[in-house]
Amino acid sequence: MKSAKLRRVWHFSQNSIGCLLYLVMIAGFIGGCAAMTPTKTLLIQDTDQAYKAGTIISVCQDGPISFKQLIADLNAVRVIYVGEEHTNRSHHKIQLEIIQAVFRQHPYMAVGMEMIDRSYQDILNRWSAGELDQKPFLRKIHWYANWRYDFSLYKDIFDLIKKNHIRLVALNIPFDVPSKIRVGGIENLRTDEKKYLPDYIDTTRADHRAYIKKVFGHHNFKGGVDFKDFYMAQCVWEDAMAEAIARNLKNDVMVVLAGNGHIQFKYGIPDRAFSRTGAAFRTIYLAPAGGELKLDVADYIWVTP
């Protein structure tokens, strides 16, 4: 009996040790694979330097800076452009951080948003005043008919604005206007649509035109679209938002939230707004790790997950 029990214990011990060794081997294999997976970085083409997510790169200083240094510089200007990839949640968290930091120094600041067109400005005023709850607000501005991206991406930003009664400014024009220019030409807009056109439309920027030409090449429009109309639509879009900034800046500071394509190299909204206001500004380009960029794409590049 005792011998049989010993054999069973010995057999159990062998199996346990075997399982343990197997688990250790698997864990080592998984750990080895994780160790072999390189950390994603953003390559800066001009310098061949690569930076991990969380790094803030100053173009002026040609290298990383702290968040504190960034905010110190931003507090010295009137307009702050923070770009985004619309569906990247980390980009909206960074935008929120920047608004919070600027608000501490400039409590009478404004936030300008590409996401809403100016025909809804009265609704935005009511939101900033704390008069609307989220559901009726979204219904009144037709969020999912116009912007369409998941509101939860922007919710914390809107909540901060409402809680602190920050002035919220709609920068865009009705979303169907650029589309109509693109397919029918600016001359064929109706009178009620032409009222949204900016006073001045700049189509002379060669670098901007070259960028939009590349974008145009990636589209296959039904019915045919002339590049002349496509480019005019883009310039109307940029100048209309620049004009909205100029008209609403007043004597305050404004943080502008817009897609990266509208702020890169400053030829979209930033330079057009500056020509109208003369107000000092900075641009912050939010760039996911894993790609590459030119150093002069913005004043600051913030590497993100």
C-alpha atoms as a PDB file:
ATOM      1  CA  MET A   1       0.000   0.000   0.000  1.00  0.00           C
ATOM      2  CA  LYS A   2       2.691   2.422   1.013  1.00  0.00           C
ATOM      3  CA  SER A   3       4.673   1.614  -2.127  1.00  0.00           C
ATOM      4  CA  ALA A   4       1.626   2.268  -4.337  1.00  0.00           C
ATOM      5  CA  LYS A   5       0.972   5.612  -2.679  1.00  0.00           C
ATOM      6  CA  LEU A   6       4.593   6.625  -3.186  1.00  0.00           C
ATOM      7  CA  ARG A   7       4.343   5.715  -6.864  1.00  0.00           C
ATOM      8  CA  ARG A   8       1.190   7.853  -7.217  1.00  0.00           C
ATOM      9  CA  VAL A   9       2.856  10.827  -5.457  1.00  0.00           C
ATOM     10  CA  TRP A  10       5.930  10.458  -7.629  1.00  0.00           C
ATOM     11  CA  HIS A  11       3.811  10.291 -10.778  1.00  0.00           C
ATOM     12  CA  PHE A  12       1.836  13.408  -9.697  1.00  0.00           C
ATOM     13  CA  SER A  13       5.051  15.296  -8.933  1.00  0.00           C
ATOM     14  CA  GLN A  14       6.489  14.457 -12.321  1.00  0.00           C
ATOM     15  CA  ASN A  15       3.340  15.713 -14.064  1.00  0.00           C
ATOM     16  CA  SER A  16       3.305  18.919 -11.985  1.00  0.00           C
ATOM     17  CA  ILE A  17       6.943  19.646 -12.716  1.00  0.00           C
ATOM     18  CA  GLY A  18       6.339  18.973 -16.391  1.00  0.00           C
ATOM     19  CA  CYS A  19       3.383  21.376 -16.468  1.00  0.00           C
ATOM     20  CA  LEU A  20       5.360  23.977 -14.581  1.00  0.00           C
ATOM     21  CA  LEU A  21       8.288  23.724 -16.992  1.00  0.00           C
ATOM     22  CA  TYR A  22       5.875  23.992 -19.927  1.00  0.00           C
ATOM     23  CA  LEU A  23       4.251  27.108 -18.508  1.00  0.00           C
ATOM     24  CA  VAL A  24       7.660  28.676 -17.844  1.00  0.00           C
ATOM     25  CA  MET A  25       8.704  27.887 -21.418  1.00  0.00           C
ATOM     26  CA  ILE A  26       5.507  29.444 -22.841  1.00  0.00           C
ATOM     27  CA  ALA A  27       5.884  32.531 -20.641  1.00  0.00           C
ATOM     28  CA  GLY A  28       9.463  32.919 -21.784  1.00  0.00           C
ATOM     29  CA  PHE A  29       8.416  32.600 -25.402  1.00  0.00           C
ATOM     30  CA  ILE A  30       5.697  35.240 -25.013  1.00  0.00           C
ATOM     31  CA  GLY A  31       8.033  37.519 -23.107  1.00  0.00           C
ATOM     32  CA  GLY A  32      10.676  37.039 -25.772  1.00  0.00           C
ATOM     33  CA  CYS A  33       8.204  37.967 -28.508  1.00  0.00           C
ATOM     34  CA  ALA A  34       7.188  41.086 -26.568  1.00  0.00           C
ATOM     35  CA  ALA A  35      10.829  42.012 -26.110  1.00  0.00           C
ATOM     36  CA  MET A  36      11.453  41.567 -29.830  1.00  0.00           C
ATOM     37  CA  THR A  37       8.557  43.867 -30.790  1.00  0.00           C
ATOM     38  CA  PRO A  38      10.097  47.305 -31.393  1.00  0.00           C
ATOM     39  CA  THR A  39       8.568  50.388 -29.784  1.00  0.00           C
ATOM     40  CA  LYS A  40       6.795  52.509 -32.381  1.00  0.00           C
ATOM     41  CA  THR A  41       8.370  55.887 -32.991  1.00  0.00           C
ATOM     42  CA  LEU A  42       7.775  58.941 -35.171  1.00  0.00           C
ATOM     43  CA  LEU A  43      10.598  59.666 -37.590  1.00  0.00           C
ATOM     44  CA  ILE A  44      11.427  63.321 -38.268  1.00  0.00           C
ATOM     45  CA  GLN A  45      12.641  63.281 -41.858  1.00  0.00           C
ATOM     46  CA  ASP A  46      14.830  66.369 -41.706  1.00  0.00           C
ATOM     47  CA  THR A  47      16.872  65.149 -38.732  1.00  0.00           C
ATOM     48  CA  ASP A  48      16.522  61.339 -38.889  1.00  0.00           C
ATOM     49  CA  GLN A  49      15.597  61.495 -35.204  1.00  0.00           C
ATOM     50  CA  ALA A  50      12.856  59.185 -33.926  1.00  0.00           C
ATOM     51  CA  TYR A  51      10.628  59.893 -30.939  1.00  0.00           C
ATOM     52  CA  LYS A  52       8.327  57.740 -28.804  1.00  0.00           C
ATOM     53  CA  ALA A  53       4.694  58.490 -28.010  1.00  0.00           C
ATOM     54  CA  GLY A  54       4.353  61.195 -25.365  1.00  0.00           C
ATOM     55  CA  THR A  55       7.195  63.313 -26.738  1.00  0.00           C
ATOM     56  CA  ILE A  56       6.544  66.979 -27.520  1.00  0.00           C
ATOM     57  CA  ILE A  57       8.942  68.253 -30.176  1.00  0.00           C
ATOM     58  CA  SER A  58       9.659  71.955 -30.509  1.00  0.00           C
ATOM     59  CA  VAL A  59      10.536  72.922 -34.074  1.00  0.00           C
ATOM     60  CA  CYS A  60      12.220  76.088 -32.822  1.00  0.00           C
ATOM     61  CA  GLN A  61      14.438  74.158 -30.408  1.00  0.00           C
ATOM     62  CA  ASP A  62      14.774  71.179 -32.758  1.00  0.00           C
ATOM     63  CA  GLY A  63      14.113  68.697 -29.970  1.00  0.00           C
ATOM     64  CA  PRO A  64      11.889  67.535 -27.093  1.00  0.00           C
ATOM     65  CA  ILE A  65      10.422  69.888 -24.510  1.00  0.00           C
ATOM     66  CA  SER A  66       8.195  69.443 -21.455  1.00  0.00           C
ATOM     67  CA  PHE A  67       4.472  70.148 -21.280  1.00  0.00           C
ATOM     68  CA  LYS A  68       5.266  73.005 -18.896  1.00  0.00           C
ATOM     69  CA  GLN A  69       7.561  74.600 -21.491  1.00  0.00           C
ATOM     70  CA  LEU A  70       4.900  74.186 -24.166  1.00  0.00           C
ATOM     71  CA  ILE A  71       2.228  75.914 -22.091  1.00  0.00           C
ATOM     72  CA  ALA A  72       4.607  78.733 -21.138  1.00  0.00           C
ATOM     73  CA  ASP A  73       5.024  79.521 -24.838  1.00  0.00           C
ATOM     74  CA  LEU A  74       1.338  79.098 -25.660  1.00  0.00           C
ATOM     75  CA  ASN A  75       0.400  81.577 -22.930  1.00  0.00           C
ATOM     76  CA  ALA A  76       2.280  84.254 -24.868  1.00  0.00           C
ATOM     77  CA  VAL A  77       0.154  84.029 -28.035  1.00  0.00           C
ATOM     78  CA  ARG A  78      -3.460  84.764 -28.984  1.00  0.00           C
ATOM     79  CA  VAL A  79      -4.434  81.808 -31.181  1.00  0.00           C
ATOM     80  CA  ILE A  80      -3.475  78.174 -30.542  1.00  0.00           C
ATOM     81  CA  TYR A  81      -4.196  75.566 -33.208  1.00  0.00           C
ATOM     82  CA  VAL A  82      -4.374  71.970 -32.010  1.00  0.00           C
ATOM     83  CA  GLY A  83      -4.755  69.438 -34.799  1.00  0.00           C
ATOM     84  CA  GLU A  84      -6.263  65.979 -34.691  1.00  0.00           C
ATOM     85  CA  GLU A  85      -7.008  62.769 -36.472  1.00  0.00           C
ATOM     86  CA  HIS A  86     -10.737  62.821 -35.875  1.00  0.00           C
ATOM     87  CA  THR A  87     -11.115  59.243 -34.589  1.00  0.00           C
ATOM     88  CA  ASN A  88      -7.952  59.162 -32.458  1.00  0.00           C
ATOM     89  CA  ARG A  89      -9.144  59.291 -28.837  1.00  0.00           C
ATOM     90  CA  SER A  90      -5.694  60.228 -27.512  1.00  0.00           C
ATOM     91  CA  HIS A  91      -5.746  63.377 -29.657  1.00  0.00           C
ATOM     92  CA  HIS A  92      -8.896  64.624 -27.963  1.00  0.00           C
ATOM     93  CA  LYS A  93      -7.393  63.944 -24.535  1.00  0.00           C
ATOM     94  CA  ILE A  94      -4.425  66.119 -25.472  1.00  0.00           C
ATOM     95  CA  GLN A  95      -6.728  68.861 -26.752  1.00  0.00           C
ATOM     96  CA  LEU A  96      -8.537  68.743 -23.414  1.00  0.00           C
ATOM     97  CA  GLU A  97      -5.235  69.034 -21.499  1.00  0.00           C
ATOM     98  CA  ILE A  98      -4.224  72.077 -23.515  1.00  0.00           C
ATOM     99  CA  ILE A  99      -7.592  73.818 -23.088  1.00  0.00           C
ATOM    100  CA  GLN A 100      -7.453  73.203 -19.330  1.00  0.00           C
ATOM    101  CA  ALA A 101      -3.928  74.610 -19.077  1.00  0.00           C
ATOM    102  CA  VAL A 102      -4.706  77.691 -21.192  1.00  0.00           C
ATOM    103  CA  PHE A 103      -7.946  78.316 -19.282  1.00  0.00           C
ATOM    104  CA  ARG A 104      -6.037  78.548 -15.997  1.00  0.00           C
ATOM    105  CA  GLN A 105      -4.156  81.557 -17.371  1.00  0.00           C
ATOM    106  CA  HIS A 106      -6.867  82.981 -19.635  1.00  0.00           C
ATOM    107  CA  PRO A 107     -10.319  82.447 -18.055  1.00  0.00           C
ATOM    108  CA  TYR A 108     -11.976  84.535 -20.781  1.00  0.00           C
ATOM    109  CA  MET A 109     -10.641  82.360 -23.570  1.00  0.00           C
ATOM    110  CA  ALA A 110     -12.699  80.888 -26.411  1.00  0.00           C
ATOM    111  CA  VAL A 111     -12.646  77.514 -28.143  1.00  0.00           C
ATOM    112  CA  GLY A 112     -13.181  77.482 -31.902  1.00  0.00           C
ATOM    113  CA  MET A 113     -14.273  74.196 -33.480  1.00  0.00           C
ATOM    114  CA  GLU A 114     -14.214  72.935 -37.043  1.00  0.00           C
ATOM    115  CA  MET A 115     -16.846  70.364 -36.063  1.00  0.00           C
ATOM    116  CA  ILE A 116     -19.831  72.746 -36.072  1.00  0.00           C
ATOM    117  CA  ASP A 117     -20.991  75.268 -38.644  1.00  0.00           C
ATOM    118  CA  ARG A 118     -21.838  78.856 -37.775  1.00  0.00           C
ATOM    119  CA  SER A 119     -25.587  78.477 -38.399  1.00  0.00           C
ATOM    120  CA  TYR A 120     -25.693  76.761 -34.976  1.00  0.00           C
ATOM    121  CA  GLN A 121     -23.906  79.519 -33.057  1.00  0.00           C
ATOM    122  CA  ASP A 122     -26.957  80.378 -30.957  1.00  0.00           C
ATOM    123  CA  ILE A 123     -27.130  76.745 -29.800  1.00  0.00           C
ATOM    124  CA  LEU A 124     -23.446  76.829 -28.864  1.00  0.00           C
ATOM    125  CA  ASN A 125     -24.073  79.969 -26.819  1.00  0.00           C
ATOM    126  CA  ARG A 126     -26.759  78.136 -24.874  1.00  0.00           C
ATOM    127  CA  TRP A 127     -24.418  75.194 -24.271  1.00  0.00           C
ATOM    128  CA  SER A 128     -21.691  77.488 -22.922  1.00  0.00           C
ATOM    129  CA  ALA A 129     -24.262  79.131 -20.666  1.00  0.00           C
ATOM    130  CA  GLY A 130     -25.186  75.733 -19.228  1.00  0.00           C
ATOM    131  CA  GLU A 131     -28.763  75.862 -20.508  1.00  0.00           C
ATOM    132  CA  LEU A 132     -28.805  72.548 -22.406  1.00  0.00           C
ATOM    133  CA  ASP A 133     -28.259  68.916 -21.512  1.00  0.00           C
ATOM    134  CA  GLN A 134     -26.295  66.689 -23.858  1.00  0.00           C
ATOM    135  CA  LYS A 135     -29.159  64.935 -25.656  1.00  0.00           C
ATOM    136  CA  PRO A 136     -31.122  68.039 -26.693  1.00  0.00           C
ATOM    137  CA  PHE A 137     -27.842  69.770 -27.554  1.00  0.00           C
ATOM    138  CA  LEU A 138     -26.823  67.010 -29.969  1.00  0.00           C
ATOM    139  CA  ARG A 139     -30.283  66.974 -31.509  1.00  0.00           C
ATOM    140  CA  LYS A 140     -30.351  70.740 -32.008  1.00  0.00           C
ATOM    141  CA  ILE A 141     -26.938  70.897 -33.697  1.00  0.00           C
ATOM    142  CA  HIS A 142     -27.655  67.738 -35.731  1.00  0.00           C
ATOM    143  CA  TRP A 143     -24.298  66.300 -34.665  1.00  0.00           C
ATOM    144  CA  TYR A 144     -24.753  62.922 -36.323  1.00  0.00           C
ATOM    145  CA  ALA A 145     -26.113  64.405 -39.536  1.00  0.00           C
ATOM    146  CA  ASN A 146     -23.229  66.868 -39.871  1.00  0.00           C
ATOM    147  CA  TRP A 147     -20.007  65.846 -38.148  1.00  0.00           C
ATOM    148  CA  ARG A 148     -21.035  62.188 -37.651  1.00  0.00           C
ATOM    149  CA  TYR A 149     -18.017  61.064 -35.595  1.00  0.00           C
ATOM    150  CA  ASP A 150     -18.746  59.466 -32.228  1.00  0.00           C
ATOM    151  CA  PHE A 151     -19.579  62.271 -29.798  1.00  0.00           C
ATOM    152  CA  SER A 152     -17.878  60.403 -26.958  1.00  0.00           C
ATOM    153  CA  LEU A 153     -14.559  61.354 -28.571  1.00  0.00           C
ATOM    154  CA  TYR A 154     -15.310  65.028 -27.839  1.00  0.00           C
ATOM    155  CA  LYS A 155     -17.560  64.718 -24.789  1.00  0.00           C
ATOM    156  CA  ASP A 156     -14.967  65.693 -22.157  1.00  0.00           C
ATOM    157  CA  ILE A 157     -14.074  68.823 -24.122  1.00  0.00           C
ATOM    158  CA  PHE A 158     -17.708  69.896 -24.396  1.00  0.00           C
ATOM    159  CA  ASP A 159     -18.290  69.150 -20.714  1.00  0.00           C
ATOM    160  CA  LEU A 160     -15.318  71.320 -19.723  1.00  0.00           C
ATOM    161  CA  ILE A 161     -16.641  74.153 -21.868  1.00  0.00           C
ATOM    162  CA  LYS A 162     -20.089  73.926 -20.311  1.00  0.00           C
ATOM    163  CA  LYS A 163     -18.831  73.588 -16.729  1.00  0.00           C
ATOM    164  CA  ASN A 164     -16.598  76.663 -17.015  1.00  0.00           C
ATOM    165  CA  HIS A 165     -18.861  78.697 -19.337  1.00  0.00           C
ATOM    166  CA  ILE A 166     -16.094  78.955 -21.925  1.00  0.00           C
ATOM    167  CA  ARG A 167     -17.098  80.788 -25.086  1.00  0.00           C
ATOM    168  CA  LEU A 168     -17.606  78.242 -27.873  1.00  0.00           C
ATOM    169  CA  VAL A 169     -17.283  79.373 -31.494  1.00  0.00           C
ATOM    170  CA  ALA A 170     -18.528  77.535 -34.587  1.00  0.00           C
ATOM    171  CA  LEU A 171     -15.893  77.928 -37.305  1.00  0.00           C
ATOM    172  CA  ASN A 172     -17.296  75.948 -40.203  1.00  0.00           C
ATOM    173  CA  ILE A 173     -19.791  76.752 -42.924  1.00  0.00           C
ATOM    174  CA  PRO A 174     -22.715  74.403 -43.668  1.00  0.00           C
ATOM    175  CA  PHE A 175     -21.138  71.127 -44.711  1.00  0.00           C
ATOM    176  CA  ASP A 176     -22.959  70.919 -48.021  1.00  0.00           C
ATOM    177  CA  VAL A 177     -21.557  74.228 -49.319  1.00  0.00           C
ATOM    178  CA  PRO A 178     -17.994  73.027 -50.070  1.00  0.00           C
ATOM    179  CA  SER A 179     -19.470  69.873 -51.612  1.00  0.00           C
ATOM    180  CA  LYS A 180     -21.658  71.932 -53.938  1.00  0.00           C
ATOM    181  CA  ILE A 181     -18.697  74.088 -54.980  1.00  0.00           C
ATOM    182  CA  ARG A 182     -16.715  70.903 -55.646  1.00  0.00           C
ATOM    183  CA  VAL A 183     -19.278  69.410 -58.037  1.00  0.00           C
ATOM    184  CA  GLY A 184     -20.971  72.502 -59.456  1.00  0.00           C
ATOM    185  CA  GLY A 185     -18.583  75.438 -59.127  1.00  0.00           C
ATOM    186  CA  ILE A 186     -18.792  78.434 -56.823  1.00  0.00           C
ATOM    187  CA  GLU A 187     -20.760  80.426 -59.400  1.00  0.00           C
ATOM    188  CA  ASN A 188     -23.708  78.033 -59.168  1.00  0.00           C
ATOM    189  CA  LEU A 189     -24.347  78.368 -55.450  1.00  0.00           C
ATOM    190  CA  ARG A 190     -27.751  79.756 -54.534  1.00  0.00           C
ATOM    191  CA  THR A 191     -27.960  83.247 -53.047  1.00  0.00           C
ATOM    192  CA  ASP A 192     -28.751  81.875 -49.576  1.00  0.00           C
ATOM    193  CA  GLU A 193     -25.631  79.669 -49.801  1.00  0.00           C
ATOM    194  CA  LYS A 194     -23.336  82.448 -50.981  1.00  0.00           C
ATOM    195  CA  LYS A 195     -23.899  84.356 -47.733  1.00  0.00           C
ATOM    196  CA  TYR A 196     -21.566  81.843 -46.054  1.00  0.00           C
ATOM    197  CA  LEU A 197     -18.665  82.600 -48.390  1.00  0.00           C
ATOM    198  CA  PRO A 198     -15.703  84.480 -46.888  1.00  0.00           C
ATOM    199  CA  ASP A 199     -15.048  88.041 -47.975  1.00  0.00           C
ATOM    200  CA  TYR A 200     -11.691  87.010 -49.441  1.00  0.00           C
ATOM    201  CA  ILE A 201     -10.616  83.638 -50.874  1.00  0.00           C
ATOM    202  CA  ASP A 202      -6.879  83.055 -51.349  1.00  0.00           C
ATOM    203  CA  THR A 203      -6.063  80.570 -54.122  1.00  0.00           C
ATOM    204  CA  THR A 204      -2.462  81.719 -54.637  1.00  0.00           C
ATOM    205  CA  ARG A 205      -0.524  79.445 -52.235  1.00  0.00           C
ATOM    206  CA  ALA A 206       1.541  77.068 -54.389  1.00  0.00           C
ATOM    207  CA  ASP A 207       2.419  74.738 -51.493  1.00  0.00           C
ATOM    208  CA  HIS A 208      -1.216  74.471 -50.441  1.00  0.00           C
ATOM    209  CA  ARG A 209      -2.303  73.852 -54.040  1.00  0.00           C
ATOM    210  CA  ALA A 210       0.311  71.086 -54.416  1.00  0.00           C
ATOM    211  CA  TYR A 211      -0.965  69.367 -51.257  1.00  0.00           C
ATOM    212  CA  ILE A 212      -4.598  69.534 -52.380  1.00  0.00           C
ATOM    213  CA  LYS A 213      -3.562  68.250 -55.824  1.00  0.00           C
ATOM    214  CA  LYS A 214      -2.255  65.084 -54.134  1.00  0.00           C
ATOM    215  CA  VAL A 215      -5.482  64.731 -52.164  1.00  0.00           C
ATOM    216  CA  PHE A 216      -7.478  65.182 -55.370  1.00  0.00           C
ATOM    217  CA  GLY A 217      -5.504  62.396 -57.021  1.00  0.00           C
ATOM    218  CA  HIS A 218      -6.715  59.901 -54.429  1.00  0.00           C
ATOM    219  CA  HIS A 219     -10.400  60.540 -55.157  1.00  0.00           C
ATOM    220  CA  ASN A 220     -12.592  59.024 -57.816  1.00  0.00           C
ATOM    221  CA  PHE A 221     -15.607  61.315 -58.038  1.00  0.00           C
ATOM    222  CA  LYS A 222     -18.805  60.267 -59.739  1.00  0.00           C
ATOM    223  CA  GLY A 223     -19.785  62.467 -62.640  1.00  0.00           C
ATOM    224  CA  GLY A 224     -16.356  64.041 -62.844  1.00  0.00           C
ATOM    225  CA  VAL A 225     -14.954  66.900 -60.764  1.00  0.00           C
ATOM    226  CA  ASP A 226     -12.599  69.588 -62.081  1.00  0.00           C
ATOM    227  CA  PHE A 227      -9.554  70.291 -59.922  1.00  0.00           C
ATOM    228  CA  LYS A 228     -10.298  74.014 -60.250  1.00  0.00           C
ATOM    229  CA  ASP A 229     -13.595  73.558 -58.432  1.00  0.00           C
ATOM    230  CA  PHE A 230     -12.123  71.059 -55.967  1.00  0.00           C
ATOM    231  CA  TYR A 231      -9.389  73.527 -55.014  1.00  0.00           C
ATOM    232  CA  MET A 232     -11.807  76.439 -54.788  1.00  0.00           C
ATOM    233  CA  ALA A 233     -13.977  74.420 -52.390  1.00  0.00           C
ATOM    234  CA  GLN A 234     -10.964  73.744 -50.167  1.00  0.00           C
ATOM    235  CA  CYS A 235      -9.891  77.391 -50.133  1.00  0.00           C
ATOM    236  CA  VAL A 236     -13.429  78.527 -49.318  1.00  0.00           C
ATOM    237  CA  TRP A 237     -13.402  76.075 -46.426  1.00  0.00           C
ATOM    238  CA  GLU A 238     -10.045  77.309 -45.077  1.00  0.00           C
ATOM    239  CA  ASP A 239     -10.769  81.022 -45.517  1.00  0.00           C
ATOM    240  CA  ALA A 240     -14.260  80.745 -44.039  1.00  0.00           C
ATOM    241  CA  MET A 241     -12.854  79.228 -40.846  1.00  0.00           C
ATOM    242  CA  ALA A 242     -10.054  81.797 -40.770  1.00  0.00           C
ATOM    243  CA  GLU A 243     -12.649  84.566 -41.107  1.00  0.00           C
ATOM    244  CA  ALA A 244     -14.712  83.075 -38.259  1.00  0.00           C
ATOM    245  CA  ILE A 245     -11.627  83.157 -36.033  1.00  0.00           C
ATOM    246  CA  ALA A 246     -10.936  86.782 -36.927  1.00  0.00           C
ATOM    247  CA  ARG A 247     -14.528  87.846 -36.267  1.00  0.00           C
ATOM    248  CA  ASN A 248     -14.738  86.055 -32.916  1.00  0.00           C
ATOM    249  CA  LEU A 249     -11.248  86.478 -31.471  1.00  0.00           C
ATOM    250  CA  LYS A 250     -12.029  89.851 -29.865  1.00  0.00           C
ATOM    251  CA  ASN A 251      -9.439  90.645 -27.186  1.00  0.00           C
ATOM    252  CA  ASP A 252      -9.288  87.086 -25.935  1.00  0.00           C
ATOM    253  CA  VAL A 253      -7.253  83.959 -26.555  1.00  0.00           C
ATOM    254  CA  MET A 254      -8.702  81.202 -28.738  1.00  0.00           C
ATOM    255  CA  VAL A 255      -7.828  77.508 -28.910  1.00  0.00           C
ATOM    256  CA  VAL A 256      -8.796  76.171 -32.333  1.00  0.00           C
ATOM    257  CA  LEU A 257      -9.571  72.478 -32.820  1.00  0.00           C
ATOM    258  CA  ALA A 258      -9.320  71.303 -36.422  1.00  0.00           C
ATOM    259  CA  GLY A 259      -8.047  68.406 -38.482  1.00  0.00           C
ATOM    260  CA  ASN A 260      -4.292  68.206 -39.007  1.00  0.00           C
ATOM    261  CA  GLY A 261      -4.706  68.917 -42.709  1.00  0.00           C
ATOM    262  CA  HIS A 262      -6.145  72.350 -41.940  1.00  0.00           C
ATOM    263  CA  ILE A 263      -3.181  73.451 -39.821  1.00  0.00           C
ATOM    264  CA  GLN A 264      -0.150  71.721 -41.344  1.00  0.00           C
ATOM    265  CA  PHE A 265       2.546  74.042 -42.685  1.00  0.00           C
ATOM    266  CA  LYS A 266       0.176  76.900 -41.689  1.00  0.00           C
ATOM    267  CA  TYR A 267      -1.113  77.330 -45.250  1.00  0.00           C
ATOM    268  CA  GLY A 268      -4.673  76.289 -44.412  1.00  0.00           C
ATOM    269  CA  ILE A 269      -6.363  78.160 -41.586  1.00  0.00           C
ATOM    270  CA  PRO A 270      -3.420  79.656 -39.595  1.00  0.00           C
ATOM    271  CA  ASP A 271      -1.810  81.945 -42.192  1.00  0.00           C
ATOM    272  CA  ARG A 272      -5.220  82.994 -43.529  1.00  0.00           C
ATOM    273  CA  ALA A 273      -6.412  83.951 -40.047  1.00  0.00           C
ATOM    274  CA  PHE A 274      -3.145  85.781 -39.347  1.00  0.00           C
ATOM    275  CA  SER A 275      -3.579  87.875 -42.498  1.00  0.00           C
ATOM    276  CA  ARG A 276      -6.901  89.045 -41.028  1.00  0.00           C
ATOM    277  CA  THR A 277      -5.902  89.504 -37.367  1.00  0.00           C
ATOM    278  CA  GLY A 278      -2.134  89.958 -37.121  1.00  0.00           C
ATOM    279  CA  ALA A 279      -2.448  87.993 -33.868  1.00  0.00           C
ATOM    280  CA  ALA A 280       0.469  85.779 -32.812  1.00  0.00           C
ATOM    281  CA  PHE A 281      -0.274  82.059 -33.009  1.00  0.00           C
ATOM    282  CA  ARG A 282       1.189  78.585 -32.601  1.00  0.00           C
ATOM    283  CA  THR A 283       0.349  75.279 -34.288  1.00  0.00           C
ATOM    284  CA  ILE A 284       0.473  71.851 -32.613  1.00  0.00           C
ATOM    285  CA  TYR A 285       0.383  68.818 -34.894  1.00  0.00           C
ATOM    286  CA  LEU A 286      -0.693  65.573 -33.212  1.00  0.00           C
ATOM    287  CA  ALA A 287       1.084  62.678 -34.931  1.00  0.00           C
ATOM    288  CA  PRO A 288       0.716  58.966 -34.124  1.00  0.00           C
ATOM    289  CA  ALA A 289       3.947  57.012 -33.658  1.00  0.00           C
ATOM    290  CA  GLY A 290       4.758  54.680 -36.525  1.00  0.00           C
ATOM    291  CA  GLY A 291       4.913  57.288 -39.282  1.00  0.00           C
ATOM    292  CA  GLU A 292       7.197  60.109 -40.358  1.00  0.00           C
ATOM    293  CA  LEU A 293       6.910  63.878 -40.736  1.00  0.00           C
ATOM    294  CA  LYS A 294       8.827  66.915 -41.815  1.00  0.00           C
ATOM    295  CA  LEU A 295      10.023  69.004 -38.884  1.00  0.00           C
ATOM    296  CA  ASP A 296       8.431  72.226 -40.146  1.00  0.00           C
ATOM    297  CA  VAL A 297       4.906  70.754 -40.375  1.00  0.00           C
ATOM    298  CA  ALA A 298       3.991  72.853 -37.307  1.00  0.00           C
ATOM    299  CA  ASP A 299       5.502  74.820 -34.439  1.00  0.00           C
ATOM    300  CA  TYR A 300       5.151  71.734 -32.247  1.00  0.00           C
ATOM    301  CA  ILE A 301       4.761  68.049 -32.986  1.00  0.00           C
ATOM    302  CA  TRP A 302       3.221  65.923 -30.229  1.00  0.00           C
ATOM    303  CA  VAL A 303       3.859  62.207 -30.758  1.00  0.00           C
ATOM    304  CA  THR A 304       0.821  60.140 -29.790  1.00  0.00           C
ATOM    305  CA  PRO A 305      -0.118  56.445 -29.494  1.00  0.00           C
END
